[in-house]
Amino acid sequence: MRLEAGARAPDFTATDWQGSALRLDDVHGRRWLAFFRYAACPLCNLRVHQMVKRHAEFAERGLSILAVFQSTAGSIARYVGQQRPPFPLLADPEERLYGLFGLETSLAGTASPANLGRLAQAVSHGFLPGRPEGSMTRIPADFLIEADGTLRRAFYGRVIADHVPFAEVEAFVAAPSAAV
C-alpha cells in the first residue's frame, strides 16, 4: 500500500554496502530516502551520479540522503559503489523495505518508451547494464521526510526512469521544517 504525505515514515534498520547498520529514526534532521532498482541499473547509476554532484549543497542545508537498492552489498560495491557516494547505500535483496514503503512493479513502466532518453543519457555517461537482481519490473520511489519523521512527499515513479524532480528536493530543503 502506498504511503502518503502527512503519514509517519516507517522506521527500519538496514545494513549498508559496507556492513554498517543504519536505523532511519537515528538519522537526524530531514531525510531523502531514495529507492532504486538493482545496483547495476544504468538509470539508477545515472541518478546516483546526479545526487553525488548535489550532495554537498543538500548536506549544507541539513538534508541527509539514503539510497536503497534491491541488491546484495557485494553487487552494490561492484557497481554503484564505484562512484563512492558520500551517503549510505542500503542493501535490501529481500526487498523488505520496498514492501514497507509500498513500492510497486510494472511491466508497462519498465518497457515504456519514456525511459529511452534517460537510458541514452546513462549510457553516454558510461553506465552500462550489468547483472540484474530482484524484481525486474520494479519502479523507483522517493520520500522526503521531515526531522520529526513525517512524510512531506511520497513520490512513486510511473516508469523506471522516474524520480522526484530535483526542484522538489530544493523546495523541500528551502521550506521551513515542519518539526517542532
C-alpha atoms as a PDB file:
ATOM      1  CA  MET A   1       0.000   0.000   0.000  1.00  0.00           C
ATOM      2  CA  ARG A   2       1.360   3.403  -0.976  1.00  0.00           C
ATOM      3  CA  LEU A   3       2.277   5.923   1.679  1.00  0.00           C
ATOM      4  CA  GLU A   4       1.020   9.496   1.553  1.00  0.00           C
ATOM      5  CA  ALA A   5       2.308  12.880   2.618  1.00  0.00           C
ATOM      6  CA  GLY A   6       1.454  13.573   6.248  1.00  0.00           C
ATOM      7  CA  ALA A   7       1.927   9.960   7.336  1.00  0.00           C
ATOM      8  CA  ARG A   8       4.819   8.917   9.523  1.00  0.00           C
ATOM      9  CA  ALA A   9       7.685   7.282   7.645  1.00  0.00           C
ATOM     10  CA  PRO A  10       8.050   3.663   8.738  1.00  0.00           C
ATOM     11  CA  ASP A  11      11.160   3.172  10.839  1.00  0.00           C
ATOM     12  CA  PHE A  12      13.543   0.408   9.837  1.00  0.00           C
ATOM     13  CA  THR A  13      17.034  -0.897  10.375  1.00  0.00           C
ATOM     14  CA  ALA A  14      19.092  -1.955   7.361  1.00  0.00           C
ATOM     15  CA  THR A  15      22.707  -2.683   6.534  1.00  0.00           C
ATOM     16  CA  ASP A  16      24.667  -0.527   4.143  1.00  0.00           C
ATOM     17  CA  TRP A  17      27.001  -1.869   1.472  1.00  0.00           C
ATOM     18  CA  GLN A  18      29.982  -1.554   3.823  1.00  0.00           C
ATOM     19  CA  GLY A  19      28.371  -3.623   6.590  1.00  0.00           C
ATOM     20  CA  SER A  20      27.202  -0.857   8.934  1.00  0.00           C
ATOM     21  CA  ALA A  21      23.710  -0.989  10.419  1.00  0.00           C
ATOM     22  CA  LEU A  22      21.575   2.094   9.967  1.00  0.00           C
ATOM     23  CA  ARG A  23      18.230   2.906  11.578  1.00  0.00           C
ATOM     24  CA  LEU A  24      16.105   5.514   9.795  1.00  0.00           C
ATOM     25  CA  ASP A  25      14.965   7.179  13.019  1.00  0.00           C
ATOM     26  CA  ASP A  26      18.609   7.549  14.120  1.00  0.00           C
ATOM     27  CA  VAL A  27      19.368   9.758  11.110  1.00  0.00           C
ATOM     28  CA  HIS A  28      18.686  13.237  12.462  1.00  0.00           C
ATOM     29  CA  GLY A  29      17.203  16.118  10.516  1.00  0.00           C
ATOM     30  CA  ARG A  30      15.475  16.000   7.184  1.00  0.00           C
ATOM     31  CA  ARG A  31      15.977  12.931   5.042  1.00  0.00           C
ATOM     32  CA  TRP A  32      15.667  11.986   1.399  1.00  0.00           C
ATOM     33  CA  LEU A  33      15.072   8.252   1.125  1.00  0.00           C
ATOM     34  CA  ALA A  34      15.542   7.156  -2.490  1.00  0.00           C
ATOM     35  CA  PHE A  35      14.576   3.674  -3.663  1.00  0.00           C
ATOM     36  CA  PHE A  36      16.287   2.294  -6.748  1.00  0.00           C
ATOM     37  CA  ARG A  37      16.174  -0.880  -8.749  1.00  0.00           C
ATOM     38  CA  TYR A  38      19.320  -3.021  -8.794  1.00  0.00           C
ATOM     39  CA  ALA A  39      22.914  -1.820  -8.327  1.00  0.00           C
ATOM     40  CA  ALA A  40      23.917  -2.346 -11.981  1.00  0.00           C
ATOM     41  CA  CYS A  41      20.904  -0.469 -13.405  1.00  0.00           C
ATOM     42  CA  PRO A  42      22.240   2.270 -15.734  1.00  0.00           C
ATOM     43  CA  LEU A  43      19.324   4.586 -14.930  1.00  0.00           C
ATOM     44  CA  CYS A  44      19.906   4.160 -11.209  1.00  0.00           C
ATOM     45  CA  ASN A  45      23.624   4.804 -11.540  1.00  0.00           C
ATOM     46  CA  LEU A  46      22.953   7.983 -13.511  1.00  0.00           C
ATOM     47  CA  ARG A  47      20.607   9.245 -10.793  1.00  0.00           C
ATOM     48  CA  VAL A  48      23.127   8.417  -8.044  1.00  0.00           C
ATOM     49  CA  HIS A  49      25.762  10.280 -10.098  1.00  0.00           C
ATOM     50  CA  GLN A  50      23.474  13.328 -10.170  1.00  0.00           C
ATOM     51  CA  MET A  51      22.791  13.014  -6.431  1.00  0.00           C
ATOM     52  CA  VAL A  52      26.515  12.802  -5.656  1.00  0.00           C
ATOM     53  CA  LYS A  53      27.060  16.041  -7.571  1.00  0.00           C
ATOM     54  CA  ARG A  54      24.355  17.788  -5.494  1.00  0.00           C
ATOM     55  CA  HIS A  55      25.147  16.133  -2.154  1.00  0.00           C
ATOM     56  CA  ALA A  56      27.293  18.912  -0.644  1.00  0.00           C
ATOM     57  CA  GLU A  57      24.649  21.531  -1.434  1.00  0.00           C
ATOM     58  CA  PHE A  58      21.901  19.452   0.175  1.00  0.00           C
ATOM     59  CA  ALA A  59      24.018  18.425   3.182  1.00  0.00           C
ATOM     60  CA  GLU A  60      24.874  22.083   3.908  1.00  0.00           C
ATOM     61  CA  ARG A  61      21.135  22.723   4.107  1.00  0.00           C
ATOM     62  CA  GLY A  62      20.563  19.880   6.576  1.00  0.00           C
ATOM     63  CA  LEU A  63      19.374  17.105   4.254  1.00  0.00           C
ATOM     64  CA  SER A  64      20.631  13.536   4.703  1.00  0.00           C
ATOM     65  CA  ILE A  65      20.399  11.223   1.689  1.00  0.00           C
ATOM     66  CA  LEU A  66      19.898   7.468   1.923  1.00  0.00           C
ATOM     67  CA  ALA A  67      19.654   5.182  -1.116  1.00  0.00           C
ATOM     68  CA  VAL A  68      18.126   1.699  -1.136  1.00  0.00           C
ATOM     69  CA  PHE A  69      18.923  -0.994  -3.708  1.00  0.00           C
ATOM     70  CA  GLN A  70      17.318  -4.398  -4.183  1.00  0.00           C
ATOM     71  CA  SER A  71      20.841  -5.840  -4.481  1.00  0.00           C
ATOM     72  CA  THR A  72      23.366  -7.516  -2.249  1.00  0.00           C
ATOM     73  CA  ALA A  73      26.121  -5.487  -0.608  1.00  0.00           C
ATOM     74  CA  GLY A  74      28.624  -7.170  -2.937  1.00  0.00           C
ATOM     75  CA  SER A  75      26.760  -6.044  -6.042  1.00  0.00           C
ATOM     76  CA  ILE A  76      26.414  -2.530  -4.685  1.00  0.00           C
ATOM     77  CA  ALA A  77      30.196  -2.426  -4.139  1.00  0.00           C
ATOM     78  CA  ARG A  78      30.852  -3.748  -7.647  1.00  0.00           C
ATOM     79  CA  TYR A  79      28.543  -1.318  -9.444  1.00  0.00           C
ATOM     80  CA  VAL A  80      27.062   1.811  -7.863  1.00  0.00           C
ATOM     81  CA  GLY A  81      29.577   1.786  -5.008  1.00  0.00           C
ATOM     82  CA  GLN A  82      32.330   2.547  -7.522  1.00  0.00           C
ATOM     83  CA  GLN A  83      31.001   6.116  -7.540  1.00  0.00           C
ATOM     84  CA  ARG A  84      31.930   6.390  -3.837  1.00  0.00           C
ATOM     85  CA  PRO A  85      28.787   8.306  -2.876  1.00  0.00           C
ATOM     86  CA  PRO A  86      29.059  10.308   0.357  1.00  0.00           C
ATOM     87  CA  PHE A  87      25.736   8.894   1.566  1.00  0.00           C
ATOM     88  CA  PRO A  88      24.635   5.403   2.643  1.00  0.00           C
ATOM     89  CA  LEU A  89      23.730   2.773   0.040  1.00  0.00           C
ATOM     90  CA  LEU A  90      21.439   0.260   1.734  1.00  0.00           C
ATOM     91  CA  ALA A  91      21.282  -3.348   0.569  1.00  0.00           C
ATOM     92  CA  ASP A  92      17.778  -4.848   0.536  1.00  0.00           C
ATOM     93  CA  PRO A  93      17.980  -8.008  -1.602  1.00  0.00           C
ATOM     94  CA  GLU A  94      14.887  -9.432   0.128  1.00  0.00           C
ATOM     95  CA  GLU A  95      13.014  -6.239  -0.860  1.00  0.00           C
ATOM     96  CA  ARG A  96      11.616  -5.889   2.659  1.00  0.00           C
ATOM     97  CA  LEU A  97      11.927  -2.100   2.664  1.00  0.00           C
ATOM     98  CA  TYR A  98      10.288  -1.912  -0.761  1.00  0.00           C
ATOM     99  CA  GLY A  99       7.218  -3.588   0.700  1.00  0.00           C
ATOM    100  CA  LEU A 100       7.310  -1.433   3.846  1.00  0.00           C
ATOM    101  CA  PHE A 101       7.193   1.733   1.717  1.00  0.00           C
ATOM    102  CA  GLY A 102       4.650   0.400  -0.788  1.00  0.00           C
ATOM    103  CA  LEU A 103       6.822   0.291  -3.910  1.00  0.00           C
ATOM    104  CA  GLU A 104       5.307  -1.352  -6.933  1.00  0.00           C
ATOM    105  CA  THR A 105       6.313  -3.206 -10.058  1.00  0.00           C
ATOM    106  CA  SER A 106       5.051  -2.524 -13.558  1.00  0.00           C
ATOM    107  CA  LEU A 107       5.785  -4.250 -16.839  1.00  0.00           C
ATOM    108  CA  ALA A 108       4.387  -1.225 -18.714  1.00  0.00           C
ATOM    109  CA  GLY A 109       6.583   1.144 -16.677  1.00  0.00           C
ATOM    110  CA  THR A 110       9.627  -0.997 -17.400  1.00  0.00           C
ATOM    111  CA  ALA A 111       9.034  -1.248 -21.152  1.00  0.00           C
ATOM    112  CA  SER A 112       7.836   2.337 -21.631  1.00  0.00           C
ATOM    113  CA  PRO A 113       9.446   4.411 -24.413  1.00  0.00           C
ATOM    114  CA  ALA A 114       9.563   7.222 -21.815  1.00  0.00           C
ATOM    115  CA  ASN A 115      12.704   5.524 -20.420  1.00  0.00           C
ATOM    116  CA  LEU A 116      14.731   5.721 -23.639  1.00  0.00           C
ATOM    117  CA  GLY A 117      16.021   9.291 -23.377  1.00  0.00           C
ATOM    118  CA  ARG A 118      17.268   8.783 -19.828  1.00  0.00           C
ATOM    119  CA  LEU A 119      18.768   5.411 -20.793  1.00  0.00           C
ATOM    120  CA  ALA A 120      20.712   7.061 -23.628  1.00  0.00           C
ATOM    121  CA  GLN A 121      21.935   9.686 -21.170  1.00  0.00           C
ATOM    122  CA  ALA A 122      23.049   6.970 -18.724  1.00  0.00           C
ATOM    123  CA  VAL A 123      24.957   5.084 -21.417  1.00  0.00           C
ATOM    124  CA  SER A 124      26.608   8.316 -22.590  1.00  0.00           C
ATOM    125  CA  HIS A 125      27.919   8.734 -19.020  1.00  0.00           C
ATOM    126  CA  GLY A 126      29.385   5.218 -19.138  1.00  0.00           C
ATOM    127  CA  PHE A 127      26.698   3.483 -17.077  1.00  0.00           C
ATOM    128  CA  LEU A 128      26.154   0.215 -18.902  1.00  0.00           C
ATOM    129  CA  PRO A 129      23.779  -2.547 -17.891  1.00  0.00           C
ATOM    130  CA  GLY A 130      25.179  -5.176 -15.563  1.00  0.00           C
ATOM    131  CA  ARG A 131      23.776  -8.162 -13.706  1.00  0.00           C
ATOM    132  CA  PRO A 132      20.121  -7.590 -12.759  1.00  0.00           C
ATOM    133  CA  GLU A 133      18.891  -8.547  -9.297  1.00  0.00           C
ATOM    134  CA  GLY A 134      15.494  -8.537  -7.640  1.00  0.00           C
ATOM    135  CA  SER A 135      12.210  -7.596  -9.230  1.00  0.00           C
ATOM    136  CA  MET A 136      12.992  -6.702 -12.827  1.00  0.00           C
ATOM    137  CA  THR A 137       9.896  -4.547 -13.190  1.00  0.00           C
ATOM    138  CA  ARG A 138      10.496  -2.520 -10.004  1.00  0.00           C
ATOM    139  CA  ILE A 139       9.509   1.160 -10.264  1.00  0.00           C
ATOM    140  CA  PRO A 140      11.594   3.610  -8.180  1.00  0.00           C
ATOM    141  CA  ALA A 141      10.244   5.924  -5.483  1.00  0.00           C
ATOM    142  CA  ASP A 142      11.499   8.807  -3.344  1.00  0.00           C
ATOM    143  CA  PHE A 143      10.438  10.016   0.097  1.00  0.00           C
ATOM    144  CA  LEU A 144      11.172  13.434   1.569  1.00  0.00           C
ATOM    145  CA  ILE A 145      10.984  13.069   5.332  1.00  0.00           C
ATOM    146  CA  GLU A 146      10.811  15.837   7.929  1.00  0.00           C
ATOM    147  CA  ALA A 147      13.010  15.754  11.034  1.00  0.00           C
ATOM    148  CA  ASP A 148      10.023  14.537  13.075  1.00  0.00           C
ATOM    149  CA  GLY A 149       9.548  11.546  10.746  1.00  0.00           C
ATOM    150  CA  THR A 150       6.561  12.932   8.844  1.00  0.00           C
ATOM    151  CA  LEU A 151       6.496  12.347   5.104  1.00  0.00           C
ATOM    152  CA  ARG A 152       6.493  15.674   3.299  1.00  0.00           C
ATOM    153  CA  ARG A 153       6.470  13.996  -0.124  1.00  0.00           C
ATOM    154  CA  ALA A 154       5.919  10.411  -1.257  1.00  0.00           C
ATOM    155  CA  PHE A 155       6.899  10.231  -4.926  1.00  0.00           C
ATOM    156  CA  TYR A 156       6.128   6.972  -6.731  1.00  0.00           C
ATOM    157  CA  GLY A 157       7.523   6.790 -10.253  1.00  0.00           C
ATOM    158  CA  ARG A 158       5.436   5.796 -13.237  1.00  0.00           C
ATOM    159  CA  VAL A 159       8.356   4.353 -15.225  1.00  0.00           C
ATOM    160  CA  ILE A 160      11.818   3.048 -14.299  1.00  0.00           C
ATOM    161  CA  ALA A 161      13.419   6.416 -15.161  1.00  0.00           C
ATOM    162  CA  ASP A 162      11.171   8.389 -12.762  1.00  0.00           C
ATOM    163  CA  HIS A 163      12.440  10.028  -9.608  1.00  0.00           C
ATOM    164  CA  VAL A 164      11.357  13.062  -7.633  1.00  0.00           C
ATOM    165  CA  PRO A 165      12.466  16.172  -9.561  1.00  0.00           C
ATOM    166  CA  PHE A 166      15.465  17.961  -8.070  1.00  0.00           C
ATOM    167  CA  ALA A 167      13.341  21.137  -7.985  1.00  0.00           C
ATOM    168  CA  GLU A 168      11.065  19.446  -5.415  1.00  0.00           C
ATOM    169  CA  VAL A 169      14.051  18.436  -3.296  1.00  0.00           C
ATOM    170  CA  GLU A 170      15.341  22.025  -3.461  1.00  0.00           C
ATOM    171  CA  ALA A 171      11.946  23.362  -2.398  1.00  0.00           C
ATOM    172  CA  PHE A 172      11.856  20.848   0.476  1.00  0.00           C
ATOM    173  CA  VAL A 173      15.199  21.970   1.904  1.00  0.00           C
ATOM    174  CA  ALA A 174      14.316  25.653   1.372  1.00  0.00           C
ATOM    175  CA  ALA A 175      10.968  25.409   3.192  1.00  0.00           C
ATOM    176  CA  PRO A 176      10.741  25.821   6.959  1.00  0.00           C
ATOM    177  CA  SER A 177      10.853  22.496   8.752  1.00  0.00           C
ATOM    178  CA  ALA A 178       7.554  21.111   9.977  1.00  0.00           C
ATOM    179  CA  ALA A 179       9.319  19.654  13.021  1.00  0.00           C
ATOM    180  CA  VAL A 180       8.768  21.344  16.350  1.00  0.00           C
END
